[in-house]
Amino acid sequence: MAWKSLCEKHAYRRMSDDTPSTNTRQQHSSPYEPSHSGSSLSFATHALRIHNPAFASFSTSTPDLSRVKSLDRTTSAPVLPSSAIRRRPQAMTYRSHFKQKYQVETAWRTGGKVDQRQITPDQGVVTSLHLTDKYIIVALDNAKIHVFDTEGKHLRCLQGHVMGVWAMVPWGDTLVSGGCDRDVRVWNMATG
């Protein structure tokens, strides 16, 4: 009872509000079977209506059973497996529910430290960015490529492109870059 009152005190939703209601009849083995949940179509039939024009004319108020049953089952329509429907794991007790909610709330409040720095020494639009175990590489529209270590210390500026650099791929200490000047350049980031 104490965990339930703690959940209420901290305004955590009831455990039943956290999990979507599941209707076992809506998990069909065939997407052509209608839903028996009142006035809604099953998830699979709804997905078929979106992706297949033949399903577009179905009413969402009540399924037309004659049309659904008369469909040719050999037509190629996307079938969504039941694993495609994601569900949150249900909290088993108020204690586990409270603990999970409290940890998430505390993480949002206290979080990590914010480390905010501007590390590029010149102005320019960043067109490409790559992070490796050793380097932070920033390509700019002003034809420059800046190489930093993982702490943000500027190591070198790679210059050679005439126009903006829009693509680059690091591989160890090697960097391959391509720009609007239609050149592909290979760089050694350790030496420049």
Foldseek 3Di string as FASTA:
>chain_A
DVLVVVCVVVVPDDLVVQWDDDDPQLQDPDLLDFGPPAQAGRPSLVVQCVVPVVSVPADGRHGDNVVSVPDDPPDDTDGDHPVVDDIDDGDPDSVSVSVVVVVVVVCVVPPDDDDDDDQDPDDFAFQDWDDDQFWTWTWGQCQKIWIAGPVSHTDDIDHDDNGGWRDWDDDVQWIWTADPSRDIDIDRNVVD
